[in-house]
């Protein structure tokens, strides 16, 4: 391997760090970036798997967490509540094109694109855990930071529940422990009711 290849890959990771999300970071001004988010997803997924005694391939779990948003280097982040309808509608197409580009640019690192593809397929417990944690984290960050994101952006409880239920359906958990965790998380968010109230 030539050092230029590593320089190129680290440059790609720098681009990943420059993809800003819409969730604020507790204790500092500004929003989190994709690299910070992915690190949290990895750590929280690892914590859940070990704390709940789940039989997972730990390496695969962490690899999924680290790569799950890499397509956003080229596709950008999509906030399902405040992005434009056009941006949301084009999400799948933009991310598919981004995956193809990553596959071409890092053809000598084939497992990178493989992990991205496998994660999107949601065919194993590891990918489902990571996907669920990815959906949990914004709400946990809003709670920890006492952020009024939902009120500020006029997101109602009904809109959030519709979104959350669609994600649970997509993940398709068969593991009873994970279903229980997902439902308890939903109850936690609903009981807090940090949402915009119409009227």
Protein backbone atom coordinates (compact mmCIF):
# COMPACT_ATOMS: atom_id res chain seq x y z
CA UNK A 1 0.00 0.00 0.00
CA UNK A 2 1.19 3.49 -0.80
CA UNK A 3 0.89 6.25 1.80
CA UNK A 4 -1.12 8.32 -0.70
CA UNK A 5 -3.94 5.80 -0.34
CA UNK A 6 -4.10 6.41 3.39
CA UNK A 7 -3.99 10.16 2.84
CA UNK A 8 -6.94 9.82 0.46
CA UNK A 9 -8.95 7.72 2.91
CA UNK A 10 -8.28 10.03 5.86
CA UNK A 11 -9.33 12.93 3.64
CA UNK A 12 -12.59 11.09 3.03
CA UNK A 13 -13.04 10.74 6.81
CA UNK A 14 -12.46 14.48 7.18
CA UNK A 15 -15.32 15.05 4.75
CA UNK A 16 -17.44 12.76 6.95
CA UNK A 17 -16.62 14.95 9.97
CA UNK A 18 -17.85 17.97 8.00
CA UNK A 19 -21.35 16.55 7.47
CA UNK A 20 -23.38 18.44 10.06
CA UNK A 21 -26.53 17.07 11.62
CA UNK A 22 -29.50 18.90 13.13
CA UNK A 23 -28.96 17.70 16.71
CA UNK A 24 -27.11 19.97 19.12
CA UNK A 25 -24.26 18.74 21.30
CA UNK A 26 -24.81 19.10 25.03
CA UNK A 27 -22.25 21.38 26.71
CA UNK A 28 -21.13 23.29 23.64
CA UNK A 29 -22.48 25.55 20.95
CA UNK A 30 -23.41 24.07 17.61
CA UNK A 31 -24.49 20.78 16.13
CA UNK A 32 -22.95 17.33 16.08
CA UNK A 33 -21.31 15.96 12.96
CA UNK A 34 -21.62 12.53 11.38
CA UNK A 35 -18.33 11.26 12.81
CA UNK A 36 -19.37 12.14 16.37
CA UNK A 37 -22.78 10.59 15.80
CA UNK A 38 -21.29 7.36 14.41
CA UNK A 39 -18.95 7.04 17.39
CA UNK A 40 -21.92 7.36 19.73
CA UNK A 41 -23.87 4.79 17.72
CA UNK A 42 -20.93 2.37 17.97
CA UNK A 43 -20.49 2.83 21.73
CA UNK A 44 -24.22 2.70 22.50
CA UNK A 45 -24.71 -0.41 20.32
CA UNK A 46 -21.82 -2.16 22.06
CA UNK A 47 -23.24 -1.16 25.47
CA UNK A 48 -26.73 -2.46 24.63
CA UNK A 49 -25.47 -5.75 23.21
CA UNK A 50 -23.31 -6.51 26.24
CA UNK A 51 -25.70 -5.15 28.87
CA UNK A 52 -28.59 -7.18 27.43
CA UNK A 53 -26.53 -10.31 26.87
CA UNK A 54 -27.26 -10.42 23.14
CA UNK A 55 -25.41 -12.95 21.04
CA UNK A 56 -23.83 -10.77 18.38
CA UNK A 57 -20.74 -10.64 16.23
CA UNK A 58 -19.14 -7.67 17.99
CA UNK A 59 -16.79 -6.78 15.15
CA UNK A 60 -19.64 -6.68 12.67
CA UNK A 61 -21.77 -4.67 15.08
CA UNK A 62 -19.08 -2.01 15.43
CA UNK A 63 -18.32 -1.99 11.70
CA UNK A 64 -21.99 -1.35 10.91
CA UNK A 65 -22.08 1.48 13.43
CA UNK A 66 -18.96 3.11 12.01
CA UNK A 67 -20.12 2.99 8.38
CA UNK A 68 -23.90 3.36 8.69
CA UNK A 69 -23.92 7.03 7.61
CA UNK A 70 -20.84 7.15 5.36
CA UNK A 71 -22.98 7.64 2.26
CA UNK A 72 -23.82 11.09 3.66
CA UNK A 73 -20.34 12.27 2.63
CA UNK A 74 -21.82 12.53 -0.87
CA UNK A 75 -25.58 12.34 -0.23
CA UNK A 76 -25.79 14.78 2.69
CA UNK A 77 -27.80 14.35 5.87
CA UNK A 78 -31.59 14.09 5.64
CA UNK A 79 -33.69 15.20 8.61
CA UNK A 80 -37.04 13.47 8.17
CA UNK A 81 -38.86 16.22 10.03
CA UNK A 82 -37.42 19.44 8.66
CA UNK A 83 -35.79 18.64 5.31
CA UNK A 84 -37.71 19.68 2.20
CA UNK A 85 -40.11 17.18 0.64
CA UNK A 86 -37.86 17.03 -2.42
CA UNK A 87 -34.78 16.27 -0.31
CA UNK A 88 -36.61 13.50 1.56
CA UNK A 89 -38.04 12.02 -1.65
CA UNK A 90 -34.58 11.86 -3.25
CA UNK A 91 -32.88 10.27 -0.20
CA UNK A 92 -32.79 6.67 -1.47
CA UNK A 93 -31.55 7.71 -4.91
CA UNK A 94 -28.86 10.03 -3.51
CA UNK A 95 -27.63 7.41 -1.07
CA UNK A 96 -27.55 4.64 -3.69
CA UNK A 97 -25.44 6.88 -5.95
CA UNK A 98 -23.18 7.70 -3.00
CA UNK A 99 -22.66 4.01 -2.23
CA UNK A 100 -21.70 3.36 -5.85
CA UNK A 101 -19.19 6.22 -5.69
CA UNK A 102 -17.66 4.92 -2.45
CA UNK A 103 -17.42 1.46 -4.00
CA UNK A 104 -15.52 2.91 -6.98
CA UNK A 105 -13.26 5.21 -4.98
CA UNK A 106 -12.27 2.51 -2.49
CA UNK A 107 -12.31 -0.56 -4.72
CA UNK A 108 -9.24 -1.83 -2.85
CA UNK A 109 -11.23 -1.71 0.41
CA UNK A 110 -14.23 -3.85 -0.67
CA UNK A 111 -15.46 -4.65 2.85
CA UNK A 112 -16.31 -0.97 3.33
CA UNK A 113 -19.01 -1.01 0.65
CA UNK A 114 -20.01 -4.54 1.68
CA UNK A 115 -20.71 -3.42 5.24
CA UNK A 116 -22.70 -0.44 3.98
CA UNK A 117 -24.78 -2.71 1.75
CA UNK A 118 -25.28 -5.32 4.48
CA UNK A 119 -26.29 -2.66 6.99
CA UNK A 120 -28.92 -1.25 4.62
CA UNK A 121 -30.29 -4.77 4.05
CA UNK A 122 -31.10 -5.20 7.79
CA UNK A 123 -30.79 -8.97 7.52
CA UNK A 124 -29.00 -9.67 10.81
CA UNK A 125 -29.38 -8.72 14.46
CA UNK A 126 -26.26 -6.56 14.39
CA UNK A 127 -27.60 -4.27 11.65
CA UNK A 128 -30.98 -4.05 13.37
CA UNK A 129 -29.41 -3.03 16.68
CA UNK A 130 -27.36 -0.31 14.97
CA UNK A 131 -30.39 0.94 13.04
CA UNK A 132 -32.45 1.16 16.24
CA UNK A 133 -29.68 2.97 18.13
CA UNK A 134 -29.36 5.38 15.20
CA UNK A 135 -33.04 6.25 15.67
CA UNK A 136 -32.79 6.46 19.49
CA UNK A 137 -29.78 8.75 19.75
CA UNK A 138 -31.28 12.02 18.52
CA UNK A 139 -34.04 11.85 21.13
CA UNK A 140 -31.57 10.92 23.86
CA UNK A 141 -29.36 13.86 22.86
CA UNK A 142 -32.35 16.22 22.85
CA UNK A 143 -33.27 15.01 26.33
CA UNK A 144 -29.73 15.31 27.72
CA UNK A 145 -29.28 18.76 26.19
CA UNK A 146 -32.80 19.92 27.10
CA UNK A 147 -33.22 20.92 23.45
CA UNK A 148 -36.63 22.14 22.22
CA UNK A 149 -36.04 20.84 18.67
CA UNK A 150 -39.56 19.44 18.26
CA UNK A 151 -41.32 22.56 19.50
CA UNK A 152 -38.97 24.81 17.56
CA UNK A 153 -39.65 22.93 14.34
CA UNK A 154 -43.36 22.35 15.05
CA UNK A 155 -43.13 18.56 15.07
CA UNK A 156 -46.18 16.99 16.72
CA UNK A 157 -46.36 13.81 18.80
CA UNK A 158 -48.47 12.21 16.06
CA UNK A 159 -45.81 12.94 13.44
CA UNK A 160 -43.07 11.49 15.65
CA UNK A 161 -45.08 8.34 16.45
CA UNK A 162 -45.81 7.77 12.76
CA UNK A 163 -42.10 8.12 11.97
CA UNK A 164 -40.97 5.90 14.88
CA UNK A 165 -43.50 3.16 14.14
CA UNK A 166 -42.44 3.11 10.47
CA UNK A 167 -38.81 2.65 11.54
CA UNK A 168 -39.69 -0.20 13.90
CA UNK A 169 -41.64 -1.88 11.10
CA UNK A 170 -38.69 -1.48 8.71
CA UNK A 171 -36.25 -2.95 11.24
CA UNK A 172 -38.57 -5.92 11.88
CA UNK A 173 -37.26 -7.04 15.24
CA UNK A 174 -37.83 -10.68 16.11
CA UNK A 175 -35.74 -10.57 19.30
CA UNK A 176 -38.11 -10.05 22.24
CA UNK A 177 -35.50 -8.17 24.29
CA UNK A 178 -34.98 -5.63 21.54
CA UNK A 179 -38.71 -5.18 21.01
CA UNK A 180 -39.13 -4.56 24.72
CA UNK A 181 -36.32 -1.97 24.67
CA UNK A 182 -37.82 -0.23 21.65
CA UNK A 183 -41.26 -0.05 23.25
CA UNK A 184 -39.88 1.23 26.56
CA UNK A 185 -37.96 3.91 24.65
CA UNK A 186 -41.15 4.96 22.87
CA UNK A 187 -43.00 5.19 26.19
CA UNK A 188 -40.16 7.32 27.60
CA UNK A 189 -40.35 9.81 24.72
CA UNK A 190 -44.16 9.94 24.72
CA UNK A 191 -44.31 10.44 28.52
CA UNK A 192 -41.99 13.45 28.21
CA UNK A 193 -44.07 14.84 25.34
CA UNK A 194 -41.49 17.41 24.18
CA UNK A 195 -43.52 18.04 21.03
CA UNK A 196 -45.26 20.99 19.47
CA UNK A 197 -48.91 21.16 20.45
CA UNK A 198 -51.23 22.42 17.76
CA UNK A 199 -53.73 25.06 18.74
